[in-house]
Protein backbone atom coordinates (compact mmCIF):
# COMPACT_ATOMS: atom_id res chain seq x y z
CA UNK A 1 -220.07 57.82 134.87
CA UNK A 2 -219.13 54.19 135.53
CA UNK A 3 -215.73 52.87 134.43
CA UNK A 4 -215.95 50.33 131.59
CA UNK A 5 -212.42 48.87 131.48
CA UNK A 6 -212.99 45.25 132.49
CA UNK A 7 -209.44 44.84 133.78
CA UNK A 8 -209.82 47.84 136.08
CA UNK A 9 -213.23 46.61 137.25
CA UNK A 10 -211.73 43.21 138.08
CA UNK A 11 -208.72 44.79 139.80
CA UNK A 12 -211.00 46.66 142.20
CA UNK A 13 -213.44 43.80 142.78
CA UNK A 14 -210.79 41.18 143.57
CA UNK A 15 -209.58 43.23 146.51
CA UNK A 16 -212.41 41.32 148.21
CA UNK A 17 -210.37 38.16 147.63
CA UNK A 18 -207.24 39.88 148.87
CA UNK A 19 -208.91 40.30 152.27
CA UNK A 20 -208.91 36.52 152.68
CA UNK A 21 -205.21 36.47 151.89
CA UNK A 22 -204.54 39.16 154.47
CA UNK A 23 -206.30 37.08 157.06
CA UNK A 24 -204.39 33.86 156.29
CA UNK A 25 -200.92 35.28 156.81
CA UNK A 26 -201.94 37.60 159.63
CA UNK A 27 -202.35 34.36 161.59
CA UNK A 28 -199.63 32.15 160.09
CA UNK A 29 -196.95 34.81 160.58
CA UNK A 30 -198.04 35.62 164.13
CA UNK A 31 -199.05 32.42 165.93
CA UNK A 32 -195.42 31.32 166.35
CA UNK A 33 -194.14 34.66 167.73
CA UNK A 34 -193.32 35.04 171.43
CA UNK A 35 -195.41 38.22 171.67
CA UNK A 36 -198.55 36.34 170.59
CA UNK A 37 -197.80 33.27 172.70
CA UNK A 38 -197.10 35.34 175.83
CA UNK A 39 -200.17 37.57 175.46
CA UNK A 40 -202.61 34.74 174.77
CA UNK A 41 -200.87 32.12 176.91
CA UNK A 42 -202.85 29.18 178.32
CA UNK A 43 -199.92 27.04 179.49
CA UNK A 44 -199.68 27.00 183.30
CA UNK A 45 -196.06 25.78 183.18
CA UNK A 46 -194.72 28.24 180.61
CA UNK A 47 -195.51 31.99 180.61
CA UNK A 48 -195.11 32.04 176.81
CA UNK A 49 -196.51 28.63 175.95
CA UNK A 50 -199.32 30.10 173.88
CA UNK A 51 -202.89 28.85 173.44
CA UNK A 52 -203.64 25.13 173.70
CA UNK A 53 -203.57 23.36 170.27
CA UNK A 54 -207.33 22.79 170.23
CA UNK A 55 -207.99 26.43 171.20
CA UNK A 56 -205.53 27.72 168.60
CA UNK A 57 -207.29 25.58 165.99
CA UNK A 58 -210.59 27.14 167.11
CA UNK A 59 -209.27 30.70 166.80
CA UNK A 60 -207.95 30.02 163.29
CA UNK A 61 -211.16 28.20 162.36
CA UNK A 62 -213.33 31.10 163.57
CA UNK A 63 -212.73 33.00 160.33
CA UNK A 64 -213.74 30.19 157.93
CA UNK A 65 -216.67 29.47 160.26
CA UNK A 66 -217.89 33.02 159.77
CA UNK A 67 -217.13 32.74 156.06
CA UNK A 68 -219.41 29.72 155.77
CA UNK A 69 -222.31 31.76 157.12
CA UNK A 70 -221.33 34.81 155.04
CA UNK A 71 -221.26 32.76 151.85
CA UNK A 72 -224.72 31.33 152.52
CA UNK A 73 -226.35 34.72 153.13
CA UNK A 74 -224.47 36.31 150.23
CA UNK A 75 -226.85 34.72 147.72
CA UNK A 76 -229.81 36.52 149.27
CA UNK A 77 -227.85 39.76 149.61
CA UNK A 78 -226.70 39.83 146.00
CA UNK A 79 -230.12 38.91 144.62
CA UNK A 80 -231.75 41.71 146.62
CA UNK A 81 -229.10 44.46 146.65
CA UNK A 82 -227.16 43.63 143.50
CA UNK A 83 -223.72 42.06 143.07
CA UNK A 84 -221.84 45.31 143.59
CA UNK A 85 -223.64 46.51 146.71
CA UNK A 86 -223.38 43.05 148.33
CA UNK A 87 -219.58 43.29 148.02
CA UNK A 88 -219.65 46.80 149.53
CA UNK A 89 -221.61 45.45 152.51
CA UNK A 90 -218.93 42.80 152.91
CA UNK A 91 -216.20 45.45 152.98
CA UNK A 92 -218.01 47.35 155.75
CA UNK A 93 -218.31 44.17 157.81
CA UNK A 94 -214.55 43.55 157.38
CA UNK A 95 -213.71 46.92 158.89
CA UNK A 96 -215.79 46.13 161.99
CA UNK A 97 -214.12 42.73 162.40
CA UNK A 98 -210.63 44.18 161.98
CA UNK A 99 -211.27 46.77 164.70
CA UNK A 100 -212.39 44.06 167.14
CA UNK A 101 -209.44 41.80 166.29
CA UNK A 102 -206.90 44.60 166.64
CA UNK A 103 -208.36 45.53 170.03
CA UNK A 104 -208.66 41.91 171.27
CA UNK A 105 -207.99 41.56 174.99
CA UNK A 106 -208.39 37.79 175.10
CA UNK A 107 -208.91 34.76 172.86
CA UNK A 108 -212.76 34.90 172.84
CA UNK A 109 -212.65 38.54 171.68
CA UNK A 110 -210.13 37.62 169.00
CA UNK A 111 -212.34 34.75 167.85
CA UNK A 112 -215.38 37.07 167.63
CA UNK A 113 -213.39 39.55 165.51
CA UNK A 114 -212.32 36.74 163.20
CA UNK A 115 -215.89 35.43 162.88
CA UNK A 116 -217.01 38.92 161.78
CA UNK A 117 -214.09 39.14 159.35
CA UNK A 118 -215.20 35.76 158.07
CA UNK A 119 -218.68 37.06 157.27
CA UNK A 120 -217.06 39.55 154.89
CA UNK A 121 -214.77 36.97 153.32
CA UNK A 122 -217.72 34.63 152.75
CA UNK A 123 -219.77 37.35 151.05
CA UNK A 124 -216.93 38.63 148.88
CA UNK A 125 -215.48 35.23 147.95
CA UNK A 126 -218.89 34.10 146.72
CA UNK A 127 -220.06 37.24 144.94
CA UNK A 128 -216.87 38.72 143.45
CA UNK A 129 -216.57 35.78 140.98
CA UNK A 130 -220.27 36.13 140.11
CA UNK A 131 -219.91 39.89 139.60
CA UNK A 132 -216.87 39.55 137.34
CA UNK A 133 -218.19 36.55 135.39
CA UNK A 134 -221.42 38.43 134.59
CA UNK A 135 -219.46 41.41 133.26
CA UNK A 136 -216.49 39.76 131.53
CA UNK A 137 -216.42 38.69 127.86
CA UNK A 138 -216.18 34.88 127.52
CA UNK A 139 -212.63 34.88 126.13
CA UNK A 140 -211.29 36.75 129.16
CA UNK A 141 -213.59 35.42 131.89
CA UNK A 142 -211.16 32.82 133.21
CA UNK A 143 -208.25 35.16 133.74
CA UNK A 144 -210.43 37.90 135.22
CA UNK A 145 -212.24 35.68 137.72
CA UNK A 146 -208.96 33.90 138.42
CA UNK A 147 -207.51 37.25 139.42
CA UNK A 148 -209.37 36.72 142.69
CA UNK A 149 -206.92 33.93 143.53
CA UNK A 150 -204.00 36.17 142.53
CA UNK A 151 -205.34 38.86 144.86
CA UNK A 152 -205.50 36.25 147.63
CA UNK A 153 -201.85 35.35 147.04
CA UNK A 154 -200.84 39.03 147.07
CA UNK A 155 -202.80 39.55 150.27
CA UNK A 156 -201.05 36.59 151.88
CA UNK A 157 -197.59 37.82 150.88
CA UNK A 158 -198.09 41.49 151.74
CA UNK A 159 -199.57 40.77 155.16
CA UNK A 160 -196.88 38.19 155.90
CA UNK A 161 -194.10 40.71 155.37
CA UNK A 162 -195.98 43.37 157.34
CA UNK A 163 -196.38 40.86 160.18
CA UNK A 164 -192.74 39.85 159.86
CA UNK A 165 -191.70 43.49 160.17
CA UNK A 166 -193.90 44.14 163.20
CA UNK A 167 -192.72 40.90 164.84
CA UNK A 168 -189.59 42.85 165.83
CA UNK A 169 -191.72 45.17 167.96
CA UNK A 170 -192.09 44.43 171.66
CA UNK A 171 -195.44 43.57 173.21
CA UNK A 172 -198.94 43.42 171.76
CA UNK A 173 -198.22 46.09 169.12
CA UNK A 174 -196.49 43.37 167.08
CA UNK A 175 -199.84 41.76 166.24
CA UNK A 176 -202.27 44.65 166.77
CA UNK A 177 -200.70 46.77 164.03
CA UNK A 178 -201.05 44.21 161.20
CA UNK A 179 -204.57 43.31 162.31
CA UNK A 180 -205.53 47.01 162.22
CA UNK A 181 -203.87 47.56 158.83
CA UNK A 182 -206.23 44.94 157.37
CA UNK A 183 -208.83 47.71 157.20
CA UNK A 184 -206.95 49.65 154.50
CA UNK A 185 -207.71 47.39 151.50
CA UNK A 186 -211.38 47.17 152.56
CA UNK A 187 -211.61 50.97 152.40
CA UNK A 188 -210.09 50.84 148.91
CA UNK A 189 -212.63 48.20 147.87
CA UNK A 190 -215.60 50.24 149.12
CA UNK A 191 -214.42 53.49 147.51
CA UNK A 192 -213.42 51.84 144.23
CA UNK A 193 -216.74 50.06 143.74
CA UNK A 194 -218.54 53.40 143.80
CA UNK A 195 -217.21 53.97 140.27
CA UNK A 196 -217.89 50.46 138.93
CA UNK A 197 -220.96 49.34 136.93
CA UNK A 198 -223.53 46.88 138.25
CA UNK A 199 -223.84 43.42 136.70
CA UNK A 200 -225.89 43.75 133.48
CA UNK A 201 -227.41 40.32 134.07
CA UNK A 202 -228.64 41.34 137.53
CA UNK A 203 -230.08 44.55 136.06
CA UNK A 204 -231.82 42.51 133.37
CA UNK A 205 -233.53 40.38 136.02
CA UNK A 206 -234.85 43.64 137.48
CA UNK A 207 -236.18 44.71 134.06
CA UNK A 208 -233.66 47.56 133.88
CA UNK A 209 -232.90 46.78 130.24
CA UNK A 210 -231.62 50.18 129.17
CA UNK A 211 -229.03 50.18 131.94
CA UNK A 212 -228.06 46.59 131.14
CA UNK A 213 -227.61 47.48 127.45
CA UNK A 214 -225.51 50.54 128.33
CA UNK A 215 -223.22 48.53 130.62
CA UNK A 216 -222.75 45.71 128.08
CA UNK A 217 -221.84 48.33 125.48
CA UNK A 218 -219.55 50.15 127.91
CA UNK A 219 -217.63 47.03 128.92
CA UNK A 220 -217.55 45.11 125.62
CA UNK A 221 -217.62 47.79 122.91
CA UNK A 222 -216.46 51.11 124.41
CA UNK A 223 -220.03 52.38 124.53
CA UNK A 224 -221.18 51.23 121.07
CA UNK A 225 -224.73 49.94 121.64
CA UNK A 226 -224.97 48.65 118.08
CA UNK A 227 -221.93 46.38 118.30
CA UNK A 228 -222.97 42.88 117.02
CA UNK A 229 -221.44 41.05 119.97
CA UNK A 230 -223.22 43.35 122.45
CA UNK A 231 -226.54 42.79 120.69
CA UNK A 232 -226.01 39.04 120.73
CA UNK A 233 -225.20 39.07 124.46
CA UNK A 234 -228.25 41.20 125.19
CA UNK A 235 -230.51 38.92 123.16
CA UNK A 236 -229.22 35.81 124.93
CA UNK A 237 -229.81 37.45 128.30
CA UNK A 238 -233.36 38.39 127.24
CA UNK A 239 -234.08 34.80 126.22
CA UNK A 240 -232.70 33.50 129.47
CA UNK A 241 -234.75 35.95 131.53
CA UNK A 242 -237.88 35.15 129.54
CA UNK A 243 -237.40 31.45 130.22
CA UNK A 244 -236.77 32.07 133.90
CA UNK A 245 -239.93 34.15 134.30
CA UNK A 246 -241.88 31.00 133.49
CA UNK A 247 -240.30 29.39 136.54
CA UNK A 248 -241.06 30.08 140.18
CA UNK A 249 -238.79 32.26 142.26
CA UNK A 250 -235.69 30.27 143.07
CA UNK A 251 -234.83 28.93 146.49
CA UNK A 252 -231.91 26.80 147.62
CA UNK A 253 -234.15 23.74 147.15
CA UNK A 254 -234.13 24.45 143.40
CA UNK A 255 -230.45 23.48 143.38
CA UNK A 256 -231.28 19.95 144.48
CA UNK A 257 -233.91 19.19 141.86
CA UNK A 258 -233.00 16.45 139.35
CA UNK A 259 -232.24 18.87 136.51
CA UNK A 260 -229.84 20.90 138.68
CA UNK A 261 -228.30 18.41 141.14
CA UNK A 262 -225.41 17.48 138.83
CA UNK A 263 -224.29 21.10 138.50
CA UNK A 264 -224.79 21.68 142.20
CA UNK A 265 -222.57 18.74 143.07
CA UNK A 266 -219.86 19.87 140.61
CA UNK A 267 -219.81 23.41 142.01
CA UNK A 268 -219.71 22.19 145.61
CA UNK A 269 -216.98 19.64 144.96
CA UNK A 270 -214.87 22.15 143.06
CA UNK A 271 -214.67 24.15 146.28
CA UNK A 272 -214.48 21.13 148.60
CA UNK A 273 -211.63 19.55 146.65
CA UNK A 274 -209.74 22.85 146.60
CA UNK A 275 -209.71 22.66 150.41
CA UNK A 276 -208.91 18.95 150.54
CA UNK A 277 -205.74 19.53 148.53
CA UNK A 278 -204.41 20.79 151.87
CA UNK A 279 -203.25 24.11 150.44
CA UNK A 280 -204.86 26.43 152.96
CA UNK A 281 -203.60 24.17 155.73
CA UNK A 282 -200.11 24.68 154.32
CA UNK A 283 -200.72 28.42 154.40
CA UNK A 284 -202.12 28.55 157.94
CA UNK A 285 -199.72 26.08 159.53
CA UNK A 286 -196.58 26.14 157.38
CA UNK A 287 -194.71 27.29 160.49
CA UNK A 288 -195.40 23.93 162.15
CA UNK A 289 -194.18 22.00 159.09
CA UNK A 290 -190.94 23.96 158.84
CA UNK A 291 -190.40 23.73 162.60
CA UNK A 292 -190.46 19.94 162.18
CA UNK A 293 -187.83 20.41 159.46
CA UNK A 294 -185.51 22.13 161.96
CA UNK A 295 -186.12 25.80 161.14
CA UNK A 296 -186.63 28.39 163.86
CA UNK A 297 -186.62 32.14 164.48
CA UNK A 298 -185.96 34.37 161.46
CA UNK A 299 -185.04 31.38 159.32
CA UNK A 300 -188.49 29.93 159.96
CA UNK A 301 -190.31 33.14 159.02
CA UNK A 302 -188.21 33.87 155.94
CA UNK A 303 -188.42 30.29 154.67
CA UNK A 304 -192.17 30.39 155.15
CA UNK A 305 -192.35 33.64 153.18
CA UNK A 306 -190.71 32.02 150.15
CA UNK A 307 -193.79 29.89 149.58
CA UNK A 308 -195.93 33.05 149.54
CA UNK A 309 -193.71 34.52 146.82
CA UNK A 310 -193.99 31.25 144.86
CA UNK A 311 -197.75 31.39 145.30
CA UNK A 312 -197.95 34.89 143.78
CA UNK A 313 -195.56 34.16 140.91
CA UNK A 314 -197.02 30.80 139.92
CA UNK A 315 -200.59 32.13 139.78
CA UNK A 316 -199.63 34.39 136.86
CA UNK A 317 -199.39 31.61 134.21
CA UNK A 318 -202.95 30.58 135.01
CA UNK A 319 -204.23 34.14 134.54
CA UNK A 320 -202.51 34.35 131.15
CA UNK A 321 -203.34 30.91 129.78
CA UNK A 322 -206.24 29.30 131.67
CA UNK A 323 -208.71 30.34 128.96
CA UNK A 324 -206.51 28.56 126.40
CA UNK A 325 -205.62 25.55 128.53
CA UNK A 326 -209.19 25.00 129.64
CA UNK A 327 -210.53 24.18 133.10
CA UNK A 328 -210.38 20.37 132.92
CA UNK A 329 -206.71 19.88 131.96
CA UNK A 330 -205.66 22.48 134.52
CA UNK A 331 -207.49 20.72 137.35
CA UNK A 332 -206.28 17.27 136.31
CA UNK A 333 -202.61 18.25 136.09
CA UNK A 334 -202.82 20.09 139.41
CA UNK A 335 -204.32 17.12 141.24
CA UNK A 336 -201.69 14.73 139.88
CA UNK A 337 -198.75 16.97 140.78
CA UNK A 338 -200.03 17.77 144.28
CA UNK A 339 -200.58 14.06 145.03
CA UNK A 340 -196.98 13.43 143.99
CA UNK A 341 -195.47 15.99 146.39
CA UNK A 342 -197.74 15.02 149.28
CA UNK A 343 -196.87 11.33 148.97
CA UNK A 344 -193.18 12.31 148.70
CA UNK A 345 -193.35 14.38 151.90
CA UNK A 346 -195.08 11.56 153.78
CA UNK A 347 -192.46 9.07 152.60
CA UNK A 348 -189.53 11.32 153.53
CA UNK A 349 -190.91 12.05 156.99
CA UNK A 350 -191.73 8.38 157.63
CA UNK A 351 -188.38 7.05 156.40
CA UNK A 352 -186.00 9.70 157.73
CA UNK A 353 -187.85 11.31 160.64
CA UNK A 354 -188.54 10.35 164.22
CA UNK A 355 -190.92 11.43 167.00
CA UNK A 356 -190.07 14.80 168.54
CA UNK A 357 -189.26 15.11 172.26
CA UNK A 358 -192.26 15.48 174.61
CA UNK A 359 -193.88 18.87 174.03
CA UNK A 360 -192.80 18.98 170.38
CA UNK A 361 -189.90 20.66 168.58
CA UNK A 362 -189.00 23.96 170.27
CA UNK A 363 -191.91 23.49 172.66
CA UNK A 364 -194.46 23.44 169.82
CA UNK A 365 -196.80 20.44 170.41
CA UNK A 366 -198.00 20.48 166.79
CA UNK A 367 -194.40 19.91 165.64
CA UNK A 368 -194.56 16.33 166.92
CA UNK A 369 -192.24 14.81 164.31
CA UNK A 370 -188.66 15.77 163.58
CA UNK A 371 -186.48 15.42 160.51
CA UNK A 372 -182.92 16.69 160.02
CA UNK A 373 -180.15 16.82 157.42
CA UNK A 374 -180.80 16.44 153.68
CA UNK A 375 -184.22 14.93 154.38
CA UNK A 376 -185.37 18.18 156.03
CA UNK A 377 -184.34 20.11 152.92
CA UNK A 378 -186.32 17.64 150.80
CA UNK A 379 -189.43 18.26 152.95
CA UNK A 380 -189.05 22.01 152.44
CA UNK A 381 -188.50 21.54 148.68
CA UNK A 382 -191.58 19.33 148.32
CA UNK A 383 -193.61 21.92 150.24
CA UNK A 384 -192.51 24.60 147.79
CA UNK A 385 -193.27 22.33 144.79
CA UNK A 386 -196.71 21.61 146.23
CA UNK A 387 -197.46 25.35 146.36
CA UNK A 388 -196.07 25.80 142.83
CA UNK A 389 -198.44 23.05 141.64
CA UNK A 390 -201.54 24.44 143.38
CA UNK A 391 -201.06 28.09 142.44
CA UNK A 392 -201.63 27.84 138.65
CA UNK A 393 -204.25 25.07 138.85
CA UNK A 394 -206.76 24.54 141.65
CA UNK A 395 -206.10 27.95 143.18
CA UNK A 396 -207.61 30.14 140.44
CA UNK A 397 -209.84 27.54 138.75
CA UNK A 398 -211.74 26.80 141.97
CA UNK A 399 -213.01 30.41 141.78
CA UNK A 400 -213.39 30.57 137.98
CA UNK A 401 -215.39 27.38 137.51
CA UNK A 402 -218.47 27.53 139.79
CA UNK A 403 -219.97 30.81 138.45
CA UNK A 404 -219.80 29.38 134.92
CA UNK A 405 -221.92 26.32 135.72
CA UNK A 406 -225.33 27.79 136.55
CA UNK A 407 -228.18 29.58 134.76
CA UNK A 408 -228.82 33.19 135.73
CA UNK A 409 -231.83 32.57 137.95
CA UNK A 410 -229.88 30.41 140.41
CA UNK A 411 -226.33 31.70 139.92
CA UNK A 412 -226.13 33.93 142.99
CA UNK A 413 -227.44 31.30 145.39
CA UNK A 414 -225.66 28.39 143.67
CA UNK A 415 -222.25 30.03 143.89
CA UNK A 416 -223.03 31.04 147.47
CA UNK A 417 -223.79 27.40 148.33
CA UNK A 418 -220.62 26.16 146.59
CA UNK A 419 -218.49 28.77 148.33
CA UNK A 420 -220.09 27.99 151.70
CA UNK A 421 -218.90 24.40 151.29
CA UNK A 422 -215.39 25.77 150.78
CA UNK A 423 -215.60 27.57 154.08
CA UNK A 424 -217.21 24.65 155.90
CA UNK A 425 -214.25 22.46 154.96
CA UNK A 426 -211.79 25.30 155.58
CA UNK A 427 -213.25 25.56 159.09
CA UNK A 428 -213.07 21.81 159.67
CA UNK A 429 -209.50 21.52 158.40
CA UNK A 430 -208.25 24.57 160.29
CA UNK A 431 -209.61 23.00 163.46
CA UNK A 432 -208.53 19.45 162.63
CA UNK A 433 -204.94 19.92 161.46
CA UNK A 434 -203.18 21.04 164.70
CA UNK A 435 -204.46 17.96 166.60
CA UNK A 436 -203.73 15.90 163.47
CA UNK A 437 -200.06 16.92 163.52
CA UNK A 438 -199.96 16.00 167.22
CA UNK A 439 -201.65 12.60 166.87
CA UNK A 440 -201.07 11.12 163.41
CA UNK A 441 -197.99 13.19 162.51
CA UNK A 442 -196.65 12.56 158.96
CA UNK A 443 -199.71 10.47 158.07
CA UNK A 444 -201.56 13.78 157.70
CA UNK A 445 -199.80 14.12 154.34
CA UNK A 446 -201.06 10.72 153.17
CA UNK A 447 -204.62 11.77 153.95
CA UNK A 448 -204.42 14.83 151.68
CA UNK A 449 -202.56 12.89 148.97
CA UNK A 450 -205.40 10.35 148.77
CA UNK A 451 -207.86 13.23 148.43
CA UNK A 452 -205.83 14.51 145.45
CA UNK A 453 -206.07 11.11 143.75
CA UNK A 454 -209.83 11.05 144.35
CA UNK A 455 -210.31 14.53 142.90
CA UNK A 456 -208.36 13.57 139.75
CA UNK A 457 -210.79 10.71 139.08
CA UNK A 458 -213.84 12.86 139.89
CA UNK A 459 -212.78 15.71 137.58
CA UNK A 460 -212.05 13.36 134.69
CA UNK A 461 -215.50 11.78 134.69
CA UNK A 462 -217.79 14.59 135.86
CA UNK A 463 -216.36 18.10 135.23
CA UNK A 464 -217.16 19.44 131.71
CA UNK A 465 -215.09 22.07 129.92
CA UNK A 466 -216.52 25.62 130.09
CA UNK A 467 -213.63 27.71 128.75
CA UNK A 468 -214.49 29.99 125.84
CA UNK A 469 -218.26 29.62 126.13
CA UNK A 470 -220.81 32.27 127.02
CA UNK A 471 -222.64 31.62 130.27
CA UNK A 472 -225.73 30.87 128.21
CA UNK A 473 -223.84 28.36 126.05
CA UNK A 474 -222.63 26.50 129.14
CA UNK A 475 -226.31 25.88 129.91
CA UNK A 476 -226.49 23.86 126.69
CA UNK A 477 -223.81 21.45 127.89
CA UNK A 478 -225.89 20.39 130.86
CA UNK A 479 -229.20 20.21 129.00
CA UNK A 480 -227.94 18.32 125.92
CA UNK A 481 -230.55 15.58 125.32
CA UNK A 482 -228.00 13.49 123.43
CA UNK A 483 -226.16 12.87 126.71
CA UNK A 484 -227.24 11.08 129.90
CA UNK A 485 -230.40 12.49 131.45
CA UNK A 486 -229.75 15.36 133.93
CA UNK A 487 -226.02 15.28 133.04
CA UNK A 488 -225.92 16.41 129.41
CA UNK A 489 -222.75 16.17 127.33
CA UNK A 490 -220.29 13.72 128.98
CA UNK A 491 -217.45 15.66 130.57
CA UNK A 492 -214.66 13.93 128.65
CA UNK A 493 -216.29 14.87 125.32
CA UNK A 494 -216.24 18.62 126.00
CA UNK A 495 -213.50 20.92 124.75
CA UNK A 496 -212.20 24.49 124.87
CA UNK A 497 -213.80 26.92 122.40
CA UNK A 498 -211.95 30.14 123.24
CA UNK A 499 -210.75 30.72 119.67
CA UNK A 500 -214.26 30.70 118.25
CA UNK A 501 -215.73 33.11 120.78
CA UNK A 502 -212.67 35.39 120.56
CA UNK A 503 -213.22 35.67 116.81
CA UNK A 504 -216.86 36.64 117.44
CA UNK A 505 -215.88 39.24 120.04
CA UNK A 506 -213.45 40.82 117.58
CA UNK A 507 -215.96 40.77 114.74
CA UNK A 508 -213.92 38.26 112.70
CA UNK A 509 -216.93 35.93 112.53
CA UNK A 510 -220.41 36.90 111.39
CA UNK A 511 -222.30 36.91 114.68
CA UNK A 512 -225.65 36.47 112.92
CA UNK A 513 -224.40 33.26 111.27
CA UNK A 514 -222.98 32.08 114.56
CA UNK A 515 -226.33 32.73 116.19
CA UNK A 516 -228.21 30.84 113.48
CA UNK A 517 -225.86 27.89 113.75
CA UNK A 518 -226.10 27.95 117.49
CA UNK A 519 -229.89 28.10 117.39
CA UNK A 520 -230.07 25.31 114.82
CA UNK A 521 -227.90 23.08 116.98
CA UNK A 522 -230.23 23.51 119.92
CA UNK A 523 -233.44 23.25 117.94
CA UNK A 524 -232.32 20.04 116.25
CA UNK A 525 -231.10 18.46 119.46
CA UNK A 526 -234.11 19.23 121.59
CA UNK A 527 -237.76 19.35 120.70
CA UNK A 528 -239.08 18.73 124.19
CA UNK A 529 -236.89 21.28 125.94
CA UNK A 530 -237.39 25.02 126.05
CA UNK A 531 -234.32 26.59 124.44
CA UNK A 532 -232.88 28.96 126.99
CA UNK A 533 -230.01 30.05 124.77
CA UNK A 534 -231.34 30.39 121.23
CA UNK A 535 -232.25 33.89 120.03
CA UNK A 536 -235.89 34.87 119.87
CA UNK A 537 -237.57 34.67 116.50
CA UNK A 538 -239.54 37.63 115.25
């Protein structure tokens, strides 16, 4: 018997996100240790000089490179195998990659292990949000999908402290142990999903209506198949599937047709902008930033770990309130705050810092700029404030938002494409940032700050509010004939409707009346468009 508690289902599924977090800090906590630098040394003048900056960037970028490919193929996997089984396949791939990484004898072998790990992260990061969003009730969807980001932050923090503990071991065991321990959560993910239900919307597309009805009842009404909200959900899914059957089988090209291109661009840019905030760069390479600020040894590792604790703690408010706040205000506030701290860091480093000695601070070429005294403390503080601004805003919402944008027939592939863009930029930035710190130094911060300003403007004009709406109702926003063609309701005119849908879920509103009103709205606003959301008549 499948488990129907949506919080438990989400807790198991988001372990897939936690794997990404494990990977981030398994590198950031290790690349500055002597054991790693000595074992993978490429410096002919220093036996513990470590890999060359470009090579180190390549090793770090190998994982997001694999994730890009994994995200792209995940759409096909989940459409064929189902959302749940696609995530299980990802977990199995992770175990293989972790074994290769833990046994790495040289940098190419390590890079191959990380590419394989990346395949898993790409699959899971794309399909876990789809799986949860297709199971969750609208009033809780934001917090449940956003739990993926919280799992990432927990993964980052847990693996950082494991790596910190093993850093006191001599030799290669200091990095082989944490890389091997990465397999444990994947095993938990695989075993846990055996007891979870499949997505009812995926089952519906396979004409397995009885199973879909049972799962909707199990998750939303404790097994009551006659619950009004369950019946409404089922009817909306039937209407959507009936509409989609009149359309050809979807390919990725469908996402670039005029009626879909706006949504495609919003989903892609949600993920692209989340990378261009610079957050994952801060996670991968925070050691370089704090080295420039004069920290070293245990002080460096412990100070770096504080930002991981902040990341975990500050994600919680988003999980509790993002469905009330809405997606738009959360993204706008986050972009404004992050731009502030990035510009501040650039100004502090430019005004109070100076070029580091040849070879960088403490022999780290990437630490090519040096700042001391109160200014160094200000750099560290702004770095912490940046993380505290990202964690409750772009962190969770970048996973919550894309699965809400698309109709059922394209959702798996659309979210896969959006997530693949995340990993493409993650790859590029992971590779670009070490040379960037060497060559343009503090100006790297200005680059990311300008991106934050650009994303603020983009979100304000183009990103509609989806909080509190069923996935079928979101479709109506983009197909509203009263708005611009192929765009629908202008983004700044949309609003949160969590209270209304929560009342329906609890039976405080007559669902039949809500359905009639909903149908009337669509019928009156569109005579030339097939209503994909309105209930069937007769």
